[in-house]
Amino acid sequence: MAVSRWIGQLADYGIANGLLEPVDRTYVINRILEALALDFYEEQEAEGALASLEEILKQLLDDAGERGLLEPDSITARDLLDTKLMGCLVPRPSQVIHKFWTLYEQSPQRATDFYYD
């Protein structure tokens, strides 16, 4: 169940960095499970500080490679799955556009800062 720990950490990374709201955590975990072709998840008790994004992704990609999900287990295959996993955390383009223009009405600078952040 070690992979569950890293899946939870990836969702928590998204929350901690403002990529998603806490209410979206279960939804995002389900999307990550789909991306990793897994049909199980067991919530893990938090152990210390959140790992770095690089460590979280490395662990998830290593697990995917061990399960034969990366065929061949190459830099390209890892990059593609890495991108797919991060895609589970980011909002749809329509949501970003809507938020940008909502902020822009308040302040063009604030909207630009949001976009580049």
C-alpha atoms as a PDB file:
ATOM      1  CA  MET A   1       0.000   0.000   0.000  1.00  0.00           C
ATOM      2  CA  ALA A   2       3.022   2.294  -0.215  1.00  0.00           C
ATOM      3  CA  VAL A   3       1.709   3.658  -3.501  1.00  0.00           C
ATOM      4  CA  SER A   4      -1.377   4.940  -1.654  1.00  0.00           C
ATOM      5  CA  ARG A   5       0.900   7.096   0.468  1.00  0.00           C
ATOM      6  CA  TRP A   6       2.391   8.746  -2.612  1.00  0.00           C
ATOM      7  CA  ILE A   7      -0.991   9.208  -4.282  1.00  0.00           C
ATOM      8  CA  GLY A   8      -2.248  10.965  -1.151  1.00  0.00           C
ATOM      9  CA  GLN A   9       0.904  13.062  -1.037  1.00  0.00           C
ATOM     10  CA  LEU A  10       0.400  14.169  -4.647  1.00  0.00           C
ATOM     11  CA  ALA A  11      -3.161  15.264  -3.881  1.00  0.00           C
ATOM     12  CA  ASP A  12      -1.938  17.034  -0.732  1.00  0.00           C
ATOM     13  CA  TYR A  13       0.775  18.770  -2.777  1.00  0.00           C
ATOM     14  CA  GLY A  14      -1.947  20.108  -5.058  1.00  0.00           C
ATOM     15  CA  ILE A  15      -3.901  21.434  -2.084  1.00  0.00           C
ATOM     16  CA  ALA A  16      -0.838  22.932  -0.383  1.00  0.00           C
ATOM     17  CA  ASN A  17       0.131  24.752  -3.575  1.00  0.00           C
ATOM     18  CA  GLY A  18      -3.320  26.079  -4.415  1.00  0.00           C
ATOM     19  CA  LEU A  19      -3.819  23.862  -7.446  1.00  0.00           C
ATOM     20  CA  LEU A  20      -7.001  22.380  -6.015  1.00  0.00           C
ATOM     21  CA  GLU A  21      -9.377  22.816  -3.123  1.00  0.00           C
ATOM     22  CA  PRO A  22      -9.544  20.312  -0.260  1.00  0.00           C
ATOM     23  CA  VAL A  23     -13.066  19.359  -1.376  1.00  0.00           C
ATOM     24  CA  ASP A  24     -11.556  18.112  -4.672  1.00  0.00           C
ATOM     25  CA  ARG A  25      -9.123  15.708  -2.985  1.00  0.00           C
ATOM     26  CA  THR A  26     -11.174  12.519  -3.482  1.00  0.00           C
ATOM     27  CA  TYR A  27     -11.917  13.431  -7.095  1.00  0.00           C
ATOM     28  CA  VAL A  28      -8.227  14.037  -7.789  1.00  0.00           C
ATOM     29  CA  ILE A  29      -7.204  10.799  -6.082  1.00  0.00           C
ATOM     30  CA  ASN A  30      -9.641   8.935  -8.336  1.00  0.00           C
ATOM     31  CA  ARG A  31      -8.149  10.623 -11.413  1.00  0.00           C
ATOM     32  CA  ILE A  32      -4.628   9.666 -10.268  1.00  0.00           C
ATOM     33  CA  LEU A  33      -5.764   6.070  -9.745  1.00  0.00           C
ATOM     34  CA  GLU A  34      -7.111   6.056 -13.287  1.00  0.00           C
ATOM     35  CA  ALA A  35      -3.859   7.484 -14.671  1.00  0.00           C
ATOM     36  CA  LEU A  36      -1.886   4.810 -12.827  1.00  0.00           C
ATOM     37  CA  ALA A  37      -4.272   1.989 -13.809  1.00  0.00           C
ATOM     38  CA  LEU A  38      -4.937   1.165 -10.157  1.00  0.00           C
ATOM     39  CA  ASP A  39      -8.215   0.085  -8.613  1.00  0.00           C
ATOM     40  CA  PHE A  40      -7.369   0.494  -4.946  1.00  0.00           C
ATOM     41  CA  TYR A  41      -6.475   3.279  -2.558  1.00  0.00           C
ATOM     42  CA  GLU A  42      -6.079   3.126   1.182  1.00  0.00           C
ATOM     43  CA  GLU A  43      -5.912   6.424   3.048  1.00  0.00           C
ATOM     44  CA  GLN A  44      -2.623   6.692   4.895  1.00  0.00           C
ATOM     45  CA  GLU A  45      -1.991   8.599   8.086  1.00  0.00           C
ATOM     46  CA  ALA A  46       0.212  11.629   7.451  1.00  0.00           C
ATOM     47  CA  GLU A  47       3.820  11.025   8.449  1.00  0.00           C
ATOM     48  CA  GLY A  48       5.766  14.237   8.907  1.00  0.00           C
ATOM     49  CA  ALA A  49       6.214  16.889   6.281  1.00  0.00           C
ATOM     50  CA  LEU A  50       5.001  16.637   2.725  1.00  0.00           C
ATOM     51  CA  ALA A  51       7.663  15.192   0.426  1.00  0.00           C
ATOM     52  CA  SER A  52       8.972  17.238  -2.488  1.00  0.00           C
ATOM     53  CA  LEU A  53       7.092  17.033  -5.770  1.00  0.00           C
ATOM     54  CA  GLU A  54      10.128  15.417  -7.371  1.00  0.00           C
ATOM     55  CA  GLU A  55      10.201  12.657  -4.736  1.00  0.00           C
ATOM     56  CA  ILE A  56       6.442  12.042  -4.968  1.00  0.00           C
ATOM     57  CA  LEU A  57       6.558  11.722  -8.755  1.00  0.00           C
ATOM     58  CA  LYS A  58       9.689   9.545  -8.650  1.00  0.00           C
ATOM     59  CA  GLN A  59       8.002   7.102  -6.287  1.00  0.00           C
ATOM     60  CA  LEU A  60       4.819   6.962  -8.381  1.00  0.00           C
ATOM     61  CA  LEU A  61       6.760   6.536 -11.631  1.00  0.00           C
ATOM     62  CA  ASP A  62       8.994   3.841 -10.099  1.00  0.00           C
ATOM     63  CA  ASP A  63       5.895   1.943  -8.975  1.00  0.00           C
ATOM     64  CA  ALA A  64       4.337   2.284 -12.435  1.00  0.00           C
ATOM     65  CA  GLY A  65       7.541   0.995 -13.998  1.00  0.00           C
ATOM     66  CA  GLU A  66       7.674  -1.999 -11.644  1.00  0.00           C
ATOM     67  CA  ARG A  67       4.087  -2.871 -12.590  1.00  0.00           C
ATOM     68  CA  GLY A  68       4.887  -2.709 -16.310  1.00  0.00           C
ATOM     69  CA  LEU A  69       2.813   0.396 -16.927  1.00  0.00           C
ATOM     70  CA  LEU A  70       5.792   2.101 -18.570  1.00  0.00           C
ATOM     71  CA  GLU A  71       6.658   0.068 -21.633  1.00  0.00           C
ATOM     72  CA  PRO A  72       9.429   0.622 -22.231  1.00  0.00           C
ATOM     73  CA  ASP A  73      10.517   2.213 -18.954  1.00  0.00           C
ATOM     74  CA  SER A  74      12.200   5.147 -20.660  1.00  0.00           C
ATOM     75  CA  ILE A  75      12.666   8.853 -20.039  1.00  0.00           C
ATOM     76  CA  THR A  76       9.974   9.586 -22.616  1.00  0.00           C
ATOM     77  CA  ALA A  77       7.467   7.175 -21.046  1.00  0.00           C
ATOM     78  CA  ARG A  78       8.203   8.609 -17.597  1.00  0.00           C
ATOM     79  CA  ASP A  79       7.787  12.184 -18.858  1.00  0.00           C
ATOM     80  CA  LEU A  80       4.447  11.328 -20.450  1.00  0.00           C
ATOM     81  CA  LEU A  81       3.098   9.714 -17.278  1.00  0.00           C
ATOM     82  CA  ASP A  82       4.539  12.522 -15.154  1.00  0.00           C
ATOM     83  CA  THR A  83       2.619  15.020 -17.322  1.00  0.00           C
ATOM     84  CA  LYS A  84      -0.538  12.931 -17.089  1.00  0.00           C
ATOM     85  CA  LEU A  85      -0.278  12.850 -13.283  1.00  0.00           C
ATOM     86  CA  MET A  86       0.249  16.597 -13.024  1.00  0.00           C
ATOM     87  CA  GLY A  87      -2.716  17.045 -15.373  1.00  0.00           C
ATOM     88  CA  CYS A  88      -4.840  15.484 -12.637  1.00  0.00           C
ATOM     89  CA  LEU A  89      -4.036  18.440 -10.383  1.00  0.00           C
ATOM     90  CA  VAL A  90      -4.539  21.426 -12.629  1.00  0.00           C
ATOM     91  CA  PRO A  91      -7.872  23.039 -13.420  1.00  0.00           C
ATOM     92  CA  ARG A  92      -9.453  22.883 -16.845  1.00  0.00           C
ATOM     93  CA  PRO A  93      -8.484  25.720 -19.223  1.00  0.00           C
ATOM     94  CA  SER A  94     -11.991  27.190 -18.983  1.00  0.00           C
ATOM     95  CA  GLN A  95     -11.599  27.484 -15.203  1.00  0.00           C
ATOM     96  CA  VAL A  96      -8.250  29.258 -15.540  1.00  0.00           C
ATOM     97  CA  ILE A  97      -9.656  31.659 -18.132  1.00  0.00           C
ATOM     98  CA  HIS A  98     -12.693  32.410 -15.969  1.00  0.00           C
ATOM     99  CA  LYS A  99     -10.565  33.074 -12.894  1.00  0.00           C
ATOM    100  CA  PHE A 100      -8.140  35.225 -14.904  1.00  0.00           C
ATOM    101  CA  TRP A 101     -10.903  37.505 -16.183  1.00  0.00           C
ATOM    102  CA  THR A 102     -12.592  37.675 -12.783  1.00  0.00           C
ATOM    103  CA  LEU A 103      -9.294  38.833 -11.267  1.00  0.00           C
ATOM    104  CA  TYR A 104      -8.641  41.122 -14.228  1.00  0.00           C
ATOM    105  CA  GLU A 105     -11.838  43.042 -13.438  1.00  0.00           C
ATOM    106  CA  GLN A 106     -10.345  43.740 -10.006  1.00  0.00           C
ATOM    107  CA  SER A 107      -6.776  44.366 -11.167  1.00  0.00           C
ATOM    108  CA  PRO A 108      -4.872  43.513 -14.361  1.00  0.00           C
ATOM    109  CA  GLN A 109      -1.726  43.075 -12.263  1.00  0.00           C
ATOM    110  CA  ARG A 110      -3.433  40.605  -9.943  1.00  0.00           C
ATOM    111  CA  ALA A 111      -4.722  38.606 -12.922  1.00  0.00           C
ATOM    112  CA  THR A 112      -1.269  38.538 -14.504  1.00  0.00           C
ATOM    113  CA  ASP A 113       0.332  37.454 -11.226  1.00  0.00           C
ATOM    114  CA  PHE A 114      -2.226  34.639 -10.916  1.00  0.00           C
ATOM    115  CA  TYR A 115      -1.577  33.469 -14.449  1.00  0.00           C
ATOM    116  CA  TYR A 116       2.200  33.338 -14.070  1.00  0.00           C
ATOM    117  CA  ASP A 117       2.017  31.757 -10.630  1.00  0.00           C
END
